[in-house]
Amino acid sequence: MAGGGGRPRSPPGGLLGMVAVVAGLGALSGGTEGGRARERAVPKEEQHSVDLTEKNYVYGNIKHEVNVYVKVFTNSPFLECMDLARSQKEVIDPKYLWIGPDGRNLEGRMYVNLTETGKLMVMGFKESMSGAYTCTLSHKIIETTTQEEREIFEAYKFMVYAYREADHAYQVFVRFTTKECELAANSQFFEELKKILNNIISDLMCHIVKSSYKCHSVKIPKQGLLHELLVSFQVNPFAPGWEEVCHQVPYNCEDATNMRVQEARDRIGEFFNRQTYALKHEFQTIPIIHYVDNSFSVTRIDSCQPGFGKNDTTHKNCASCCVVCDPGTYSPNDEVTCQICTRPQVKMYGARSC
């Protein structure tokens, strides 16, 4: 974990100890999803997914192409140049011809592992390696009575796509009761709250962004009219210095980033839970600005790196993946969709511009 020097702690005092002015904000900031293999082979006609963390091979299908999703920088599963039924039968004089997305023979390529039994593994998978991998299997059938030989040809097509894990951020909503919406201390309270939250998560290379608050009058049953600050902000994993952390784990940057921001989310959640405890046990007089019990809510927000996007229709069996953009589409930013490009010359996978 980056940052060194242990986890930051806020100075003594109390976030809840705010009366007409901001005083001593902070004290309650004390202590408080890794990578997963996701190569999948999914015939388009099938609705179920096949998780290849249990088996590192994929059979072809002579009737239709098979979709395979490979996490960037990892090795693909072995692609079998036959279907499951064929693999369980005797095959006489088999020969295999694998053709890659560029239309060339894959035999002898440095980035493939091609076995004598026709299995293909693509190593160190990159978005540019995405596309159609086709194998032609030729074998003989010998008639038992006449010993007549016939050569049979079967073609199997795999559509192999690079994918990344989505980058996660968290949208947080929380409420505070205040004396009145015109209270001058409201804005100062909000600024101090942001400082405390940033301090809690700074060692994780995370920070608070897109923060705002609004004051509303709220009628509460049996309590009359109250004034509340509705605070919203995002917990973002890309604080200054995050690139250096990623350089330490370049092949699993998304996994490391998502683990950091999840930890940041958990720390902030605990921080607000401790506000509830403090209100009940540490204050004889309730502060004018104080946390509304159980008002903390959080929603995960996904984004994809440029050149990748989500499509739960085309890639229904990898719906949570950021899959490489198909030729003819592109993604220039961290949005979650690949946009259609009107210029027909964009024929590459993972385009970042049109």
Protein backbone atom coordinates (compact mmCIF):
# COMPACT_ATOMS: atom_id res chain seq x y z
CA MET A 1 0.00 0.00 0.00
CA ALA A 2 1.33 3.37 -0.96
CA GLY A 3 1.80 6.34 1.30
CA GLY A 4 3.94 4.91 4.07
CA GLY A 5 3.88 6.00 7.69
CA GLY A 6 0.70 4.11 8.52
CA ARG A 7 -2.87 5.16 8.14
CA PRO A 8 -3.69 8.87 8.72
CA ARG A 9 -5.67 9.80 11.78
CA SER A 10 -7.54 12.99 12.48
CA PRO A 11 -6.62 15.25 15.41
CA PRO A 12 -8.56 15.08 18.68
CA GLY A 13 -11.86 16.86 18.79
CA GLY A 14 -15.12 15.84 17.20
CA LEU A 15 -16.93 16.20 13.93
CA LEU A 16 -20.08 16.23 15.98
CA GLY A 17 -18.81 18.96 18.26
CA MET A 18 -20.06 21.67 15.95
CA VAL A 19 -22.39 24.26 17.38
CA ALA A 20 -22.79 27.70 15.84
CA VAL A 21 -19.26 27.61 14.46
CA VAL A 22 -16.96 24.91 13.15
CA ALA A 23 -14.67 23.80 15.95
CA GLY A 24 -12.33 20.84 16.15
CA LEU A 25 -13.68 18.84 13.23
CA GLY A 26 -12.30 15.38 12.89
CA ALA A 27 -11.57 13.00 15.68
CA LEU A 28 -13.77 10.12 14.66
CA SER A 29 -11.67 8.92 11.75
CA GLY A 30 -9.95 6.05 13.51
CA GLY A 31 -9.40 2.51 12.33
CA THR A 32 -11.88 0.85 10.43
CA GLU A 33 -12.41 -7.43 -4.88
CA GLY A 34 -9.05 -8.92 -6.11
CA GLY A 35 -8.31 -10.11 -9.48
CA ARG A 36 -10.26 -12.98 -10.86
CA ALA A 37 -9.72 -15.06 -13.92
CA ARG A 38 -12.58 -14.56 -16.27
CA GLU A 39 -11.78 -16.31 -19.49
CA ARG A 40 -15.06 -17.58 -20.83
CA ALA A 41 -16.23 -19.49 -23.86
CA VAL A 42 -19.82 -18.78 -24.77
CA PRO A 43 -21.65 -19.97 -27.87
CA LYS A 44 -23.98 -17.19 -28.99
CA GLU A 45 -27.04 -19.41 -28.92
CA GLU A 46 -26.46 -20.35 -25.29
CA GLN A 47 -27.57 -18.17 -22.41
CA HIS A 48 -25.37 -19.67 -19.72
CA SER A 49 -21.76 -18.75 -19.16
CA VAL A 50 -18.84 -21.12 -18.92
CA ASP A 51 -16.35 -20.19 -16.19
CA LEU A 52 -12.91 -21.32 -17.22
CA THR A 53 -11.37 -20.83 -13.83
CA GLU A 54 -12.39 -24.46 -13.34
CA LYS A 55 -11.10 -25.73 -16.69
CA ASN A 56 -8.55 -24.04 -18.84
CA TYR A 57 -9.78 -25.14 -22.24
CA VAL A 58 -12.60 -24.35 -24.64
CA TYR A 59 -14.15 -26.63 -27.26
CA GLY A 60 -15.18 -25.39 -30.67
CA ASN A 61 -18.59 -25.76 -32.22
CA ILE A 62 -18.94 -26.71 -35.87
CA LYS A 63 -22.32 -24.98 -36.12
CA HIS A 64 -21.41 -21.53 -34.84
CA GLU A 65 -18.55 -19.46 -33.52
CA VAL A 66 -17.61 -19.51 -29.84
CA ASN A 67 -16.94 -16.34 -27.86
CA VAL A 68 -13.94 -16.29 -25.53
CA TYR A 69 -13.01 -13.43 -23.16
CA VAL A 70 -9.40 -13.06 -22.05
CA LYS A 71 -8.17 -10.58 -19.48
CA VAL A 72 -5.44 -8.35 -20.88
CA PHE A 73 -1.85 -9.50 -20.26
CA THR A 74 -2.96 -13.01 -19.29
CA ASN A 75 -2.88 -16.20 -21.34
CA SER A 76 -5.99 -17.41 -23.09
CA PRO A 77 -7.42 -20.81 -22.23
CA PHE A 78 -6.52 -23.60 -24.64
CA LEU A 79 -8.79 -23.50 -27.68
CA GLU A 80 -9.64 -27.02 -28.83
CA CYS A 81 -9.76 -27.61 -32.58
CA MET A 82 -12.81 -29.87 -32.28
CA ASP A 83 -16.07 -30.03 -30.45
CA LEU A 84 -16.72 -31.98 -27.28
CA ALA A 85 -18.34 -34.89 -29.09
CA ARG A 86 -15.39 -35.25 -31.48
CA SER A 87 -12.90 -35.14 -28.61
CA GLN A 88 -14.47 -38.25 -27.11
CA LYS A 89 -14.04 -40.30 -30.26
CA GLU A 90 -11.11 -41.80 -32.09
CA VAL A 91 -9.59 -39.35 -34.60
CA ILE A 92 -7.38 -40.83 -37.33
CA ASP A 93 -4.47 -38.87 -38.82
CA PRO A 94 -5.59 -35.50 -37.49
CA LYS A 95 -4.06 -32.34 -38.91
CA TYR A 96 -4.68 -28.85 -37.63
CA LEU A 97 -4.40 -25.46 -39.30
CA TRP A 98 -4.84 -22.39 -37.12
CA ILE A 99 -5.39 -18.99 -38.74
CA GLY A 100 -5.23 -15.78 -36.70
CA PRO A 101 -7.16 -12.50 -36.98
CA ASP A 102 -4.67 -11.24 -39.59
CA GLY A 103 -5.48 -14.19 -41.87
CA ARG A 104 -2.08 -15.82 -41.41
CA ASN A 105 -0.97 -19.22 -40.16
CA LEU A 106 -0.27 -19.14 -36.43
CA GLU A 107 2.28 -21.96 -36.45
CA GLY A 108 5.66 -20.72 -35.29
CA ARG A 109 4.43 -17.44 -33.84
CA MET A 110 6.24 -16.47 -30.65
CA TYR A 111 3.09 -15.47 -28.79
CA VAL A 112 1.20 -18.74 -29.23
CA ASN A 113 1.47 -22.17 -27.66
CA LEU A 114 0.32 -24.65 -30.28
CA THR A 115 0.34 -28.30 -29.19
CA GLU A 116 0.65 -31.38 -31.40
CA THR A 117 -2.96 -32.24 -30.58
CA GLY A 118 -4.21 -28.97 -32.05
CA LYS A 119 -4.74 -26.97 -28.88
CA LEU A 120 -4.00 -23.23 -29.14
CA MET A 121 -3.12 -20.82 -26.34
CA VAL A 122 -2.49 -17.13 -27.05
CA MET A 123 -0.03 -15.75 -24.50
CA GLY A 124 0.20 -12.27 -23.01
CA PHE A 125 -3.09 -11.28 -24.59
CA LYS A 126 -3.44 -7.67 -25.74
CA GLU A 127 -6.41 -5.83 -27.24
CA SER A 128 -4.75 -5.91 -30.67
CA MET A 129 -4.83 -9.72 -30.54
CA SER A 130 -8.62 -9.74 -30.43
CA GLY A 131 -10.54 -11.17 -33.35
CA ALA A 132 -11.37 -14.41 -35.14
CA TYR A 133 -9.21 -17.49 -34.57
CA THR A 134 -10.14 -20.26 -36.97
CA CYS A 135 -8.97 -23.83 -36.98
CA THR A 136 -9.45 -26.37 -39.75
CA LEU A 137 -9.30 -29.98 -38.62
CA SER A 138 -8.69 -32.65 -41.25
CA HIS A 139 -8.89 -36.33 -40.37
CA LYS A 140 -9.63 -39.64 -42.00
CA ILE A 141 -12.53 -42.03 -41.78
CA ILE A 142 -11.77 -45.66 -42.66
CA GLU A 143 -14.62 -47.96 -43.61
CA THR A 144 -14.31 -51.12 -41.53
CA THR A 145 -15.44 -53.47 -44.29
CA THR A 146 -13.70 -52.03 -47.35
CA GLN A 147 -10.88 -50.13 -45.59
CA GLU A 148 -11.70 -47.25 -47.89
CA GLU A 149 -10.29 -43.95 -46.62
CA ARG A 150 -12.09 -40.61 -46.77
CA GLU A 151 -10.65 -37.29 -45.62
CA ILE A 152 -12.98 -35.02 -43.65
CA PHE A 153 -12.53 -31.29 -43.07
CA GLU A 154 -14.14 -29.41 -40.19
CA ALA A 155 -13.78 -25.70 -39.38
CA TYR A 156 -14.08 -24.17 -35.93
CA LYS A 157 -14.22 -20.44 -35.27
CA PHE A 158 -13.47 -18.66 -32.00
CA MET A 159 -14.09 -14.94 -31.46
CA VAL A 160 -11.53 -13.97 -28.83
CA TYR A 161 -11.92 -10.63 -27.04
CA ALA A 162 -9.58 -8.82 -24.67
CA TYR A 163 -11.26 -7.41 -21.59
CA ARG A 164 -10.37 -5.43 -18.50
CA GLU A 165 -12.02 -5.20 -15.13
CA ALA A 166 -14.09 -2.04 -14.78
CA ASP A 167 -12.56 0.73 -12.69
CA HIS A 168 -14.70 1.35 -9.64
CA ALA A 169 -15.61 4.54 -7.85
CA TYR A 170 -18.30 5.05 -5.20
CA GLN A 171 -21.05 7.65 -5.05
CA VAL A 172 -21.91 8.49 -1.45
CA PHE A 173 -24.97 10.27 -0.06
CA VAL A 174 -25.24 11.31 3.58
CA ARG A 175 -27.43 13.71 5.57
CA PHE A 176 -26.84 16.06 8.50
CA THR A 177 -29.36 17.94 10.57
CA THR A 178 -28.64 21.67 10.92
CA LYS A 179 -30.27 24.57 12.77
CA GLU A 180 -31.26 26.42 9.63
CA CYS A 181 -30.35 26.53 5.96
CA GLU A 182 -28.98 30.07 6.24
CA LEU A 183 -26.54 29.07 8.99
CA ALA A 184 -23.11 30.44 8.07
CA ALA A 185 -21.41 27.42 9.57
CA ASN A 186 -22.97 25.04 7.04
CA SER A 187 -20.46 25.72 4.29
CA GLN A 188 -17.52 25.69 6.70
CA PHE A 189 -18.74 22.38 8.10
CA PHE A 190 -18.90 20.96 4.58
CA GLU A 191 -15.32 22.03 3.78
CA GLU A 192 -14.00 20.56 7.01
CA LEU A 193 -15.87 17.32 6.40
CA LYS A 194 -14.16 16.96 3.01
CA LYS A 195 -10.76 17.51 4.60
CA ILE A 196 -11.38 14.83 7.20
CA LEU A 197 -12.61 12.29 4.64
CA ASN A 198 -9.64 12.96 2.36
CA ASN A 199 -7.31 12.50 5.32
CA ILE A 200 -8.87 9.13 6.15
CA ILE A 201 -8.20 7.71 2.65
CA SER A 202 -5.14 9.64 1.45
CA ASP A 203 -2.72 6.74 2.08
CA LEU A 204 -4.81 4.65 -0.34
CA MET A 205 -4.19 7.13 -3.18
CA CYS A 206 -7.93 7.84 -3.13
CA HIS A 207 -9.67 11.16 -2.78
CA ILE A 208 -13.04 12.89 -2.61
CA VAL A 209 -14.31 14.40 -5.87
CA LYS A 210 -17.55 15.87 -7.24
CA SER A 211 -18.65 16.91 -3.78
CA SER A 212 -21.64 19.15 -3.09
CA TYR A 213 -24.36 19.81 -0.58
CA LYS A 214 -27.84 21.30 -0.53
CA CYS A 215 -29.98 22.37 2.38
CA HIS A 216 -33.64 21.42 2.50
CA SER A 217 -36.53 21.75 4.91
CA VAL A 218 -37.87 18.32 5.75
CA LYS A 219 -41.09 17.50 7.57
CA ILE A 220 -40.49 14.51 9.82
CA PRO A 221 -43.49 12.63 11.28
CA LYS A 222 -43.96 13.51 14.97
CA GLN A 223 -40.96 15.87 14.88
CA GLY A 224 -42.18 18.83 12.87
CA LEU A 225 -40.04 20.71 10.38
CA LEU A 226 -36.26 20.07 10.31
CA HIS A 227 -33.46 21.43 8.18
CA GLU A 228 -31.04 18.97 6.64
CA LEU A 229 -27.81 19.15 4.66
CA LEU A 230 -27.86 16.59 1.84
CA VAL A 231 -24.20 15.87 1.13
CA SER A 232 -22.99 13.93 -1.91
CA PHE A 233 -19.51 13.04 -3.13
CA GLN A 234 -17.56 10.41 -5.00
CA VAL A 235 -14.75 8.28 -3.61
CA ASN A 236 -12.27 8.15 -6.47
CA PRO A 237 -9.14 5.93 -6.69
CA PHE A 238 -7.10 8.27 -8.90
CA ALA A 239 -5.62 10.73 -6.44
CA PRO A 240 -2.19 12.17 -7.35
CA GLY A 241 0.37 9.40 -7.15
CA TRP A 242 -1.89 6.55 -8.25
CA GLU A 243 0.19 5.97 -11.42
CA GLU A 244 3.21 5.11 -9.29
CA VAL A 245 1.19 2.49 -7.45
CA CYS A 246 0.07 0.99 -10.77
CA HIS A 247 3.65 0.78 -12.01
CA GLN A 248 4.29 -1.68 -9.18
CA VAL A 249 1.57 -4.03 -10.49
CA PRO A 250 1.16 -3.08 -14.18
CA TYR A 251 -0.63 -6.30 -15.19
CA ASN A 252 -3.20 -6.04 -12.41
CA CYS A 253 -3.66 -2.30 -12.12
CA GLU A 254 -7.46 -2.44 -12.17
CA ASP A 255 -7.51 -5.10 -9.48
CA ALA A 256 -5.16 -3.13 -7.22
CA THR A 257 -7.06 0.10 -7.86
CA ASN A 258 -10.41 -1.49 -7.10
CA MET A 259 -9.10 -3.01 -3.88
CA ARG A 260 -7.82 0.41 -2.78
CA VAL A 261 -11.07 2.24 -3.47
CA GLN A 262 -13.10 -0.51 -1.81
CA GLU A 263 -10.98 -0.10 1.32
CA ALA A 264 -11.53 3.66 1.10
CA ARG A 265 -15.28 3.12 0.85
CA ASP A 266 -15.23 0.84 3.91
CA ARG A 267 -13.25 3.36 5.97
CA ILE A 268 -15.68 6.15 5.15
CA GLY A 269 -18.63 3.90 5.96
CA GLU A 270 -17.12 3.12 9.35
CA PHE A 271 -16.46 6.80 9.94
CA PHE A 272 -20.16 7.61 9.62
CA ASN A 273 -21.15 4.60 11.70
CA ARG A 274 -18.97 5.98 14.49
CA GLN A 275 -20.87 9.26 14.28
CA THR A 276 -24.00 7.38 15.31
CA TYR A 277 -22.23 5.83 18.28
CA ALA A 278 -20.78 9.18 19.37
CA LEU A 279 -24.18 10.87 19.25
CA LYS A 280 -25.62 8.23 21.56
CA HIS A 281 -22.73 7.83 24.00
CA GLU A 282 -20.34 10.78 23.88
CA PHE A 283 -22.51 13.90 23.78
CA GLN A 284 -24.75 15.16 26.55
CA THR A 285 -26.04 17.92 24.28
CA ILE A 286 -26.73 17.13 20.65
CA PRO A 287 -24.67 19.44 18.38
CA ILE A 288 -26.57 21.81 16.12
CA ILE A 289 -25.08 20.15 13.02
CA HIS A 290 -25.08 16.39 13.43
CA TYR A 291 -25.25 13.20 11.39
CA VAL A 292 -28.66 11.69 10.58
CA ASP A 293 -28.63 8.09 11.74
CA ASN A 294 -28.60 5.48 8.92
CA SER A 295 -28.49 8.15 6.20
CA PHE A 296 -25.21 6.88 4.75
CA SER A 297 -25.74 5.23 1.36
CA VAL A 298 -23.25 4.22 -1.31
CA THR A 299 -23.52 3.17 -4.96
CA ARG A 300 -20.74 1.75 -7.09
CA ILE A 301 -19.93 3.53 -10.35
CA ASP A 302 -18.07 1.66 -13.08
CA SER A 303 -15.91 3.15 -15.80
CA CYS A 304 -13.83 1.61 -18.60
CA GLN A 305 -10.44 2.60 -19.90
CA PRO A 306 -10.28 4.18 -23.39
CA GLY A 307 -10.73 1.58 -26.11
CA PHE A 308 -12.98 -0.60 -23.94
CA GLY A 309 -16.67 -0.60 -23.08
CA LYS A 310 -19.57 -2.62 -21.75
CA ASN A 311 -22.31 -4.18 -23.86
CA ASP A 312 -24.62 -6.57 -22.08
CA THR A 313 -26.32 -7.46 -25.37
CA THR A 314 -23.32 -8.32 -27.53
CA HIS A 315 -21.30 -9.61 -24.58
CA LYS A 316 -24.10 -10.83 -22.34
CA ASN A 317 -21.91 -13.49 -20.75
CA CYS A 318 -19.27 -10.95 -19.80
CA ALA A 319 -21.70 -8.15 -19.02
CA SER A 320 -19.67 -6.68 -16.17
CA CYS A 321 -16.45 -6.72 -18.22
CA CYS A 322 -14.97 -3.80 -20.08
CA VAL A 323 -14.56 -5.55 -23.43
CA VAL A 324 -12.36 -4.22 -26.22
CA CYS A 325 -14.27 -2.05 -28.68
CA ASP A 326 -15.12 -3.83 -31.95
CA PRO A 327 -13.86 -2.52 -35.30
CA GLY A 328 -16.07 0.37 -36.35
CA THR A 329 -16.51 1.55 -32.76
CA TYR A 330 -14.32 3.51 -30.38
CA SER A 331 -14.12 4.90 -26.85
CA PRO A 332 -12.02 8.02 -26.25
CA ASN A 333 -12.52 8.32 -22.50
CA ASP A 334 -13.57 6.46 -19.36
CA GLU A 335 -17.22 6.05 -20.33
CA VAL A 336 -18.68 2.54 -20.32
CA THR A 337 -19.87 2.35 -23.93
CA CYS A 338 -18.12 2.07 -27.28
CA GLN A 339 -19.44 4.63 -29.74
CA ILE A 340 -20.15 3.92 -33.41
CA CYS A 341 -17.65 5.53 -35.75
CA THR A 342 -19.00 6.86 -39.03
CA ARG A 343 -15.60 6.61 -40.70
CA PRO A 344 -15.32 3.12 -42.23
CA GLN A 345 -11.51 3.09 -42.11
CA VAL A 346 -11.54 2.38 -38.35
CA LYS A 347 -11.03 -1.38 -38.57
CA MET A 348 -8.97 -2.08 -35.47
CA TYR A 349 -9.99 -3.43 -32.10
CA GLY A 350 -9.69 -1.08 -29.14
CA ALA A 351 -9.86 2.20 -31.07
CA ARG A 352 -9.61 5.32 -28.89
CA SER A 353 -10.56 7.78 -31.61
CA CYS A 354 -12.63 7.85 -34.77
